[in-house]
All heavy atoms as atom14 arrays in JSON, in Angstrom:
{
  "sequence": "RWIATIAARPAVERGLAVGRELSSGPPDEEARKHLFEKK",
  "atom14_mask": [
    [1, 1, 1, 1, 1, 1, 1, 1, 1, 1, 1, 0, 0, 0],
    [1, 1, 1, 1, 1, 1, 1, 1, 1, 1, 1, 1, 1, 1],
    [1, 1, 1, 1, 1, 1, 1, 1, 0, 0, 0, 0, 0, 0],
    [1, 1, 1, 1, 1, 0, 0, 0, 0, 0, 0, 0, 0, 0],
    [1, 1, 1, 1, 1, 1, 1, 0, 0, 0, 0, 0, 0, 0],
    [1, 1, 1, 1, 1, 1, 1, 1, 0, 0, 0, 0, 0, 0],
    [1, 1, 1, 1, 1, 0, 0, 0, 0, 0, 0, 0, 0, 0],
    [1, 1, 1, 1, 1, 0, 0, 0, 0, 0, 0, 0, 0, 0],
    [1, 1, 1, 1, 1, 1, 1, 1, 1, 1, 1, 0, 0, 0],
    [1, 1, 1, 1, 1, 1, 1, 0, 0, 0, 0, 0, 0, 0],
    [1, 1, 1, 1, 1, 0, 0, 0, 0, 0, 0, 0, 0, 0],
    [1, 1, 1, 1, 1, 1, 1, 0, 0, 0, 0, 0, 0, 0],
    [1, 1, 1, 1, 1, 1, 1, 1, 1, 0, 0, 0, 0, 0],
    [1, 1, 1, 1, 1, 1, 1, 1, 1, 1, 1, 0, 0, 0],
    [1, 1, 1, 1, 0, 0, 0, 0, 0, 0, 0, 0, 0, 0],
    [1, 1, 1, 1, 1, 1, 1, 1, 0, 0, 0, 0, 0, 0],
    [1, 1, 1, 1, 1, 0, 0, 0, 0, 0, 0, 0, 0, 0],
    [1, 1, 1, 1, 1, 1, 1, 0, 0, 0, 0, 0, 0, 0],
    [1, 1, 1, 1, 0, 0, 0, 0, 0, 0, 0, 0, 0, 0],
    [1, 1, 1, 1, 1, 1, 1, 1, 1, 1, 1, 0, 0, 0],
    [1, 1, 1, 1, 1, 1, 1, 1, 1, 0, 0, 0, 0, 0],
    [1, 1, 1, 1, 1, 1, 1, 1, 0, 0, 0, 0, 0, 0],
    [1, 1, 1, 1, 1, 1, 0, 0, 0, 0, 0, 0, 0, 0],
    [1, 1, 1, 1, 1, 1, 0, 0, 0, 0, 0, 0, 0, 0],
    [1, 1, 1, 1, 0, 0, 0, 0, 0, 0, 0, 0, 0, 0],
    [1, 1, 1, 1, 1, 1, 1, 0, 0, 0, 0, 0, 0, 0],
    [1, 1, 1, 1, 1, 1, 1, 0, 0, 0, 0, 0, 0, 0],
    [1, 1, 1, 1, 1, 1, 1, 1, 0, 0, 0, 0, 0, 0],
    [1, 1, 1, 1, 1, 1, 1, 1, 1, 0, 0, 0, 0, 0],
    [1, 1, 1, 1, 1, 1, 1, 1, 1, 0, 0, 0, 0, 0],
    [1, 1, 1, 1, 1, 0, 0, 0, 0, 0, 0, 0, 0, 0],
    [1, 1, 1, 1, 1, 1, 1, 1, 1, 1, 1, 0, 0, 0],
    [1, 1, 1, 1, 1, 1, 1, 1, 1, 0, 0, 0, 0, 0],
    [1, 1, 1, 1, 1, 1, 1, 1, 1, 1, 0, 0, 0, 0],
    [1, 1, 1, 1, 1, 1, 1, 1, 0, 0, 0, 0, 0, 0],
    [1, 1, 1, 1, 1, 1, 1, 1, 1, 1, 1, 0, 0, 0],
    [1, 1, 1, 1, 1, 1, 1, 1, 1, 0, 0, 0, 0, 0],
    [1, 1, 1, 1, 1, 1, 1, 1, 1, 0, 0, 0, 0, 0],
    [1, 1, 1, 1, 1, 1, 1, 1, 1, 0, 0, 0, 0, 0]
  ],
  "atom14_positions": [
    [[19.34, 8.48, 1.34], [19.33, 9.34, 2.54], [17.95, 9.91, 2.8], [17.4, 9.83, 3.93], [20.44, 10.34, 2.47], [20.6, 11.24, 3.73], [19.75, 12.51, 3.65], [20.01, 13.24, 2.46], [19.24, 14.18, 2.0], [18.13, 14.39, 2.65], [19.55, 14.88, 1.04], [0.0, 0.0, 0.0], [0.0, 0.0, 0.0], [0.0, 0.0, 0.0]],
    [[17.36, 10.53, 1.81], [16.04, 11.11, 1.81], [15.05, 10.08, 2.25], [14.24, 10.38, 3.12], [15.84, 11.71, 0.5], [14.46, 12.38, 0.2], [14.02, 13.64, 0.6], [13.37, 11.76, -0.39], [12.7, 13.94, 0.12], [12.29, 12.65, -0.41], [13.14, 10.53, -1.01], [11.05, 12.43, -0.97], [11.91, 10.18, -1.58], [10.87, 11.16, -1.61]],
    [[15.07, 8.96, 1.63], [14.02, 7.9, 2.0], [14.23, 7.42, 3.47], [13.18, 7.36, 4.14], [14.3, 6.58, 1.06], [13.97, 6.94, -0.31], [13.42, 5.42, 1.58], [14.33, 5.81, -1.33], [0.0, 0.0, 0.0], [0.0, 0.0, 0.0], [0.0, 0.0, 0.0], [0.0, 0.0, 0.0], [0.0, 0.0, 0.0], [0.0, 0.0, 0.0]],
    [[15.43, 7.25, 3.92], [15.6, 6.87, 5.3], [15.19, 7.9, 6.27], [14.61, 7.69, 7.31], [17.06, 6.53, 5.53], [0.0, 0.0, 0.0], [0.0, 0.0, 0.0], [0.0, 0.0, 0.0], [0.0, 0.0, 0.0], [0.0, 0.0, 0.0], [0.0, 0.0, 0.0], [0.0, 0.0, 0.0], [0.0, 0.0, 0.0], [0.0, 0.0, 0.0]],
    [[15.47, 9.22, 5.93], [15.15, 10.42, 6.79], [13.56, 10.42, 6.96], [13.04, 10.6, 8.03], [15.57, 11.65, 6.29], [16.99, 11.55, 6.29], [15.19, 12.84, 7.07], [0.0, 0.0, 0.0], [0.0, 0.0, 0.0], [0.0, 0.0, 0.0], [0.0, 0.0, 0.0], [0.0, 0.0, 0.0], [0.0, 0.0, 0.0], [0.0, 0.0, 0.0]],
    [[12.84, 10.25, 5.88], [11.32, 10.47, 5.89], [10.81, 9.21, 6.51], [9.86, 9.26, 7.36], [10.81, 10.64, 4.41], [11.29, 12.02, 3.97], [9.3, 10.49, 4.45], [10.9, 12.26, 2.48], [0.0, 0.0, 0.0], [0.0, 0.0, 0.0], [0.0, 0.0, 0.0], [0.0, 0.0, 0.0], [0.0, 0.0, 0.0], [0.0, 0.0, 0.0]],
    [[11.29, 8.02, 6.22], [10.78, 6.84, 6.8], [10.84, 6.78, 8.3], [10.13, 6.11, 9.02], [11.51, 5.58, 6.25], [0.0, 0.0, 0.0], [0.0, 0.0, 0.0], [0.0, 0.0, 0.0], [0.0, 0.0, 0.0], [0.0, 0.0, 0.0], [0.0, 0.0, 0.0], [0.0, 0.0, 0.0], [0.0, 0.0, 0.0], [0.0, 0.0, 0.0]],
    [[11.93, 7.55, 8.95], [12.09, 7.53, 10.32], [11.16, 8.43, 11.06], [11.05, 8.43, 12.33], [13.5, 7.9, 10.64], [0.0, 0.0, 0.0], [0.0, 0.0, 0.0], [0.0, 0.0, 0.0], [0.0, 0.0, 0.0], [0.0, 0.0, 0.0], [0.0, 0.0, 0.0], [0.0, 0.0, 0.0], [0.0, 0.0, 0.0], [0.0, 0.0, 0.0]],
    [[10.37, 9.26, 10.37], [9.43, 10.15, 10.94], [8.23, 9.36, 11.63], [7.67, 8.51, 10.91], [8.85, 11.21, 9.96], [9.95, 12.13, 9.38], [9.33, 13.12, 8.35], [8.48, 13.92, 8.95], [8.73, 15.16, 9.44], [10.03, 15.62, 9.38], [7.87, 16.01, 9.94], [0.0, 0.0, 0.0], [0.0, 0.0, 0.0], [0.0, 0.0, 0.0]],
    [[7.95, 9.58, 12.89], [6.88, 8.82, 13.48], [5.53, 9.0, 12.81], [4.76, 7.93, 12.67], [6.77, 9.51, 14.95], [8.13, 10.0, 15.18], [8.64, 10.45, 13.9], [0.0, 0.0, 0.0], [0.0, 0.0, 0.0], [0.0, 0.0, 0.0], [0.0, 0.0, 0.0], [0.0, 0.0, 0.0], [0.0, 0.0, 0.0], [0.0, 0.0, 0.0]],
    [[5.21, 10.15, 12.25], [3.93, 10.39, 11.62], [3.91, 9.48, 10.32], [2.9, 8.96, 9.88], [3.67, 11.8, 11.24], [0.0, 0.0, 0.0], [0.0, 0.0, 0.0], [0.0, 0.0, 0.0], [0.0, 0.0, 0.0], [0.0, 0.0, 0.0], [0.0, 0.0, 0.0], [0.0, 0.0, 0.0], [0.0, 0.0, 0.0], [0.0, 0.0, 0.0]],
    [[5.05, 9.34, 9.61], [5.15, 8.56, 8.43], [4.95, 7.02, 8.75], [4.2, 6.37, 8.08], [6.51, 8.79, 7.63], [6.63, 7.91, 6.55], [6.61, 10.27, 7.18], [0.0, 0.0, 0.0], [0.0, 0.0, 0.0], [0.0, 0.0, 0.0], [0.0, 0.0, 0.0], [0.0, 0.0, 0.0], [0.0, 0.0, 0.0], [0.0, 0.0, 0.0]],
    [[5.58, 6.65, 9.86], [5.46, 5.22, 10.35], [3.88, 5.01, 10.54], [3.3, 3.98, 10.22], [6.22, 5.03, 11.44], [7.74, 4.99, 11.29], [8.44, 4.79, 12.49], [7.93, 4.76, 13.7], [9.77, 4.65, 12.51], [0.0, 0.0, 0.0], [0.0, 0.0, 0.0], [0.0, 0.0, 0.0], [0.0, 0.0, 0.0], [0.0, 0.0, 0.0]],
    [[3.14, 5.98, 11.2], [1.79, 5.7, 11.44], [0.97, 5.7, 10.23], [0.03, 5.0, 10.0], [1.31, 6.9, 12.41], [1.9, 6.77, 13.89], [1.22, 7.59, 14.73], [1.18, 8.95, 14.41], [2.06, 9.94, 14.77], [3.12, 9.58, 15.46], [1.99, 11.15, 14.28], [0.0, 0.0, 0.0], [0.0, 0.0, 0.0], [0.0, 0.0, 0.0]],
    [[1.29, 6.61, 9.33], [0.56, 6.76, 8.05], [0.73, 5.47, 7.12], [-0.31, 5.06, 6.68], [0.0, 0.0, 0.0], [0.0, 0.0, 0.0], [0.0, 0.0, 0.0], [0.0, 0.0, 0.0], [0.0, 0.0, 0.0], [0.0, 0.0, 0.0], [0.0, 0.0, 0.0], [0.0, 0.0, 0.0], [0.0, 0.0, 0.0], [0.0, 0.0, 0.0]],
    [[1.99, 4.85, 7.15], [2.1, 3.67, 6.51], [1.42, 2.41, 7.08], [1.1, 1.56, 6.41], [3.59, 3.37, 6.32], [4.39, 4.34, 5.44], [5.93, 3.97, 5.53], [3.96, 4.27, 4.03], [0.0, 0.0, 0.0], [0.0, 0.0, 0.0], [0.0, 0.0, 0.0], [0.0, 0.0, 0.0], [0.0, 0.0, 0.0], [0.0, 0.0, 0.0]],
    [[1.11, 2.59, 8.35], [0.44, 1.52, 9.07], [-0.97, 1.47, 8.88], [-1.65, 0.45, 9.12], [0.81, 1.56, 10.49], [0.0, 0.0, 0.0], [0.0, 0.0, 0.0], [0.0, 0.0, 0.0], [0.0, 0.0, 0.0], [0.0, 0.0, 0.0], [0.0, 0.0, 0.0], [0.0, 0.0, 0.0], [0.0, 0.0, 0.0], [0.0, 0.0, 0.0]],
    [[-1.59, 2.54, 8.3], [-3.07, 2.7, 8.29], [-3.51, 1.68, 7.2], [-3.09, 1.61, 6.06], [-3.41, 4.13, 7.74], [-4.94, 4.18, 7.48], [-3.11, 5.09, 8.87], [0.0, 0.0, 0.0], [0.0, 0.0, 0.0], [0.0, 0.0, 0.0], [0.0, 0.0, 0.0], [0.0, 0.0, 0.0], [0.0, 0.0, 0.0], [0.0, 0.0, 0.0]],
    [[-4.41, 0.92, 7.57], [-5.03, -0.12, 6.67], [-4.16, -1.32, 6.28], [-4.43, -1.95, 5.32], [0.0, 0.0, 0.0], [0.0, 0.0, 0.0], [0.0, 0.0, 0.0], [0.0, 0.0, 0.0], [0.0, 0.0, 0.0], [0.0, 0.0, 0.0], [0.0, 0.0, 0.0], [0.0, 0.0, 0.0], [0.0, 0.0, 0.0], [0.0, 0.0, 0.0]],
    [[-3.06, -1.36, 7.03], [-2.16, -2.52, 6.6], [-2.76, -3.85, 6.6], [-2.45, -4.74, 5.75], [-0.98, -2.5, 7.61], [0.16, -3.51, 7.21], [1.46, -3.32, 8.09], [2.08, -1.98, 7.83], [2.86, -1.34, 8.69], [3.05, -1.82, 9.89], [3.45, -0.2, 8.29], [0.0, 0.0, 0.0], [0.0, 0.0, 0.0], [0.0, 0.0, 0.0]],
    [[-3.8, -4.04, 7.49], [-4.47, -5.32, 7.56], [-5.35, -5.59, 6.33], [-5.82, -6.68, 6.13], [-5.23, -5.44, 8.86], [-6.52, -4.53, 8.93], [-6.2, -2.98, 9.08], [-5.09, -2.66, 9.32], [-7.16, -2.28, 9.09], [0.0, 0.0, 0.0], [0.0, 0.0, 0.0], [0.0, 0.0, 0.0], [0.0, 0.0, 0.0], [0.0, 0.0, 0.0]],
    [[-5.64, -4.48, 5.57], [-6.5, -4.58, 4.46], [-5.87, -5.24, 3.27], [-6.49, -5.83, 2.37], [-7.09, -3.16, 4.01], [-7.84, -2.53, 5.13], [-8.2, -1.09, 4.65], [-9.17, -3.23, 5.37], [0.0, 0.0, 0.0], [0.0, 0.0, 0.0], [0.0, 0.0, 0.0], [0.0, 0.0, 0.0], [0.0, 0.0, 0.0], [0.0, 0.0, 0.0]],
    [[-4.5, -5.15, 3.15], [-3.75, -5.61, 2.03], [-3.79, -7.2, 2.02], [-3.55, -7.75, 3.0], [-2.34, -5.07, 2.16], [-1.8, -4.86, 0.91], [0.0, 0.0, 0.0], [0.0, 0.0, 0.0], [0.0, 0.0, 0.0], [0.0, 0.0, 0.0], [0.0, 0.0, 0.0], [0.0, 0.0, 0.0], [0.0, 0.0, 0.0], [0.0, 0.0, 0.0]],
    [[-3.97, -7.71, 0.88], [-4.16, -9.16, 0.77], [-3.23, -9.87, -0.22], [-3.45, -10.8, -0.7], [-5.6, -9.52, 0.42], [-5.97, -8.92, -0.82], [0.0, 0.0, 0.0], [0.0, 0.0, 0.0], [0.0, 0.0, 0.0], [0.0, 0.0, 0.0], [0.0, 0.0, 0.0], [0.0, 0.0, 0.0], [0.0, 0.0, 0.0], [0.0, 0.0, 0.0]],
    [[-2.09, -9.08, -0.54], [-1.09, -9.78, -1.47], [-1.44, -9.43, -2.93], [-2.26, -8.53, -3.22], [0.0, 0.0, 0.0], [0.0, 0.0, 0.0], [0.0, 0.0, 0.0], [0.0, 0.0, 0.0], [0.0, 0.0, 0.0], [0.0, 0.0, 0.0], [0.0, 0.0, 0.0], [0.0, 0.0, 0.0], [0.0, 0.0, 0.0], [0.0, 0.0, 0.0]],
    [[-0.85, -10.28, -3.73], [-1.0, -10.0, -5.27], [-2.45, -10.21, -5.62], [-3.2, -10.91, -4.99], [-0.15, -11.2, -5.91], [0.78, -11.6, -4.76], [0.09, -11.37, -3.5], [0.0, 0.0, 0.0], [0.0, 0.0, 0.0], [0.0, 0.0, 0.0], [0.0, 0.0, 0.0], [0.0, 0.0, 0.0], [0.0, 0.0, 0.0], [0.0, 0.0, 0.0]],
    [[-2.88, -9.34, -6.69], [-4.3, -9.45, -7.06], [-4.7, -10.79, -7.59], [-4.04, -11.45, -8.44], [-4.32, -8.4, -8.18], [-2.97, -8.38, -8.68], [-2.1, -8.55, -7.52], [0.0, 0.0, 0.0], [0.0, 0.0, 0.0], [0.0, 0.0, 0.0], [0.0, 0.0, 0.0], [0.0, 0.0, 0.0], [0.0, 0.0, 0.0], [0.0, 0.0, 0.0]],
    [[-5.96, -11.28, -7.21], [-6.43, -12.49, -7.81], [-7.21, -12.19, -9.16], [-7.15, -10.97, -9.54], [-7.39, -13.23, -6.87], [-8.55, -12.29, -6.33], [-8.86, -11.22, -6.97], [-9.1, -12.57, -5.31], [0.0, 0.0, 0.0], [0.0, 0.0, 0.0], [0.0, 0.0, 0.0], [0.0, 0.0, 0.0], [0.0, 0.0, 0.0], [0.0, 0.0, 0.0]],
    [[-7.82, -13.06, -9.73], [-8.48, -12.9, -10.96], [-9.55, -11.77, -10.87], [-9.71, -10.98, -11.79], [-8.98, -14.17, -11.64], [-8.03, -15.05, -12.22], [-7.18, -14.42, -13.15], [-7.66, -13.9, -14.2], [-5.83, -14.36, -13.11], [0.0, 0.0, 0.0], [0.0, 0.0, 0.0], [0.0, 0.0, 0.0], [0.0, 0.0, 0.0], [0.0, 0.0, 0.0]],
    [[-10.31, -11.86, -9.84], [-11.4, -10.81, -9.77], [-10.73, -9.47, -9.57], [-11.19, -8.42, -10.28], [-12.24, -11.03, -8.54], [-13.43, -10.0, -8.32], [-14.27, -10.26, -7.16], [-14.14, -11.22, -6.59], [-15.08, -9.33, -6.98], [0.0, 0.0, 0.0], [0.0, 0.0, 0.0], [0.0, 0.0, 0.0], [0.0, 0.0, 0.0], [0.0, 0.0, 0.0]],
    [[-9.74, -9.28, -8.82], [-9.08, -8.0, -8.61], [-8.44, -7.48, -9.93], [-8.53, -6.35, -10.17], [-8.02, -8.1, -7.66], [0.0, 0.0, 0.0], [0.0, 0.0, 0.0], [0.0, 0.0, 0.0], [0.0, 0.0, 0.0], [0.0, 0.0, 0.0], [0.0, 0.0, 0.0], [0.0, 0.0, 0.0], [0.0, 0.0, 0.0], [0.0, 0.0, 0.0]],
    [[-7.9, -8.37, -10.69], [-7.25, -8.06, -12.04], [-8.33, -7.44, -12.9], [-7.99, -6.52, -13.62], [-6.65, -9.3, -12.66], [-5.5, -9.85, -11.9], [-4.86, -11.02, -12.66], [-4.28, -10.56, -13.93], [-3.05, -10.1, -14.04], [-2.25, -9.99, -13.06], [-2.59, -9.71, -15.23], [0.0, 0.0, 0.0], [0.0, 0.0, 0.0], [0.0, 0.0, 0.0]],
    [[-9.65, -8.0, -12.91], [-10.62, -7.37, -13.76], [-10.93, -5.98, -13.31], [-11.07, -5.1, -14.18], [-11.83, -8.26, -13.67], [-11.63, -9.69, -14.35], [-12.98, -10.43, -14.14], [-12.79, -11.93, -14.71], [-13.93, -12.78, -14.49], [0.0, 0.0, 0.0], [0.0, 0.0, 0.0], [0.0, 0.0, 0.0], [0.0, 0.0, 0.0], [0.0, 0.0, 0.0]],
    [[-11.09, -5.75, -12.07], [-11.38, -4.39, -11.64], [-10.19, -3.41, -11.75], [-10.4, -2.22, -12.11], [-11.76, -4.41, -10.19], [-13.09, -5.19, -9.92], [-14.27, -4.88, -10.4], [-13.3, -6.28, -9.03], [-15.25, -5.63, -10.02], [-14.63, -6.6, -9.12], [0.0, 0.0, 0.0], [0.0, 0.0, 0.0], [0.0, 0.0, 0.0], [0.0, 0.0, 0.0]],
    [[-8.99, -3.93, -11.54], [-7.98, -3.05, -11.6], [-7.31, -2.73, -12.92], [-6.91, -1.63, -13.28], [-6.74, -3.63, -10.74], [-7.03, -3.72, -9.24], [-5.92, -4.49, -8.49], [-7.1, -2.33, -8.56], [0.0, 0.0, 0.0], [0.0, 0.0, 0.0], [0.0, 0.0, 0.0], [0.0, 0.0, 0.0], [0.0, 0.0, 0.0], [0.0, 0.0, 0.0]],
    [[-7.39, -3.78, -13.82], [-6.72, -3.68, -15.15], [-7.57, -3.74, -16.26], [-7.08, -3.43, -17.43], [-5.56, -4.81, -15.2], [-4.64, -4.81, -14.05], [-4.29, -6.04, -13.41], [-4.13, -3.6, -13.48], [-3.35, -6.11, -12.38], [-3.3, -3.67, -12.29], [-3.03, -4.94, -11.81], [0.0, 0.0, 0.0], [0.0, 0.0, 0.0], [0.0, 0.0, 0.0]],
    [[-8.78, -4.29, -16.17], [-9.57, -4.54, -17.35], [-10.78, -3.75, -17.5], [-11.31, -3.62, -18.62], [-9.93, -6.08, -17.46], [-8.68, -7.04, -17.48], [-9.08, -8.44, -17.31], [-10.18, -8.87, -17.42], [-8.11, -9.25, -16.92], [0.0, 0.0, 0.0], [0.0, 0.0, 0.0], [0.0, 0.0, 0.0], [0.0, 0.0, 0.0], [0.0, 0.0, 0.0]],
    [[-11.42, -3.37, -16.38], [-12.65, -2.51, -16.46], [-12.44, -1.23, -17.11], [-11.45, -0.6, -16.6], [-13.21, -2.4, -15.04], [-14.7, -1.95, -15.08], [-15.35, -2.21, -13.66], [-16.87, -1.71, -13.84], [-17.49, -2.13, -12.54], [0.0, 0.0, 0.0], [0.0, 0.0, 0.0], [0.0, 0.0, 0.0], [0.0, 0.0, 0.0], [0.0, 0.0, 0.0]],
    [[-13.2, -0.79, -18.09], [-12.97, 0.38, -18.77], [-13.6, 1.63, -18.16], [-13.03, 2.79, -18.27], [-13.41, 0.2, -20.22], [-12.62, -0.81, -21.0], [-13.12, -0.88, -22.49], [-12.29, -1.8, -23.27], [-12.27, -3.24, -22.77], [0.0, 0.0, 0.0], [0.0, 0.0, 0.0], [0.0, 0.0, 0.0], [0.0, 0.0, 0.0], [0.0, 0.0, 0.0]]
  ]
}
């Protein structure tokens, strides 16, 4: 119920849409190095 209530807020919908076009799916090998392997 809490998730549905918050998800329905217009500001939340707008916030979740920010940069949506930047997302490119699962990480490739280069992304894995930066996300999981670089110390």
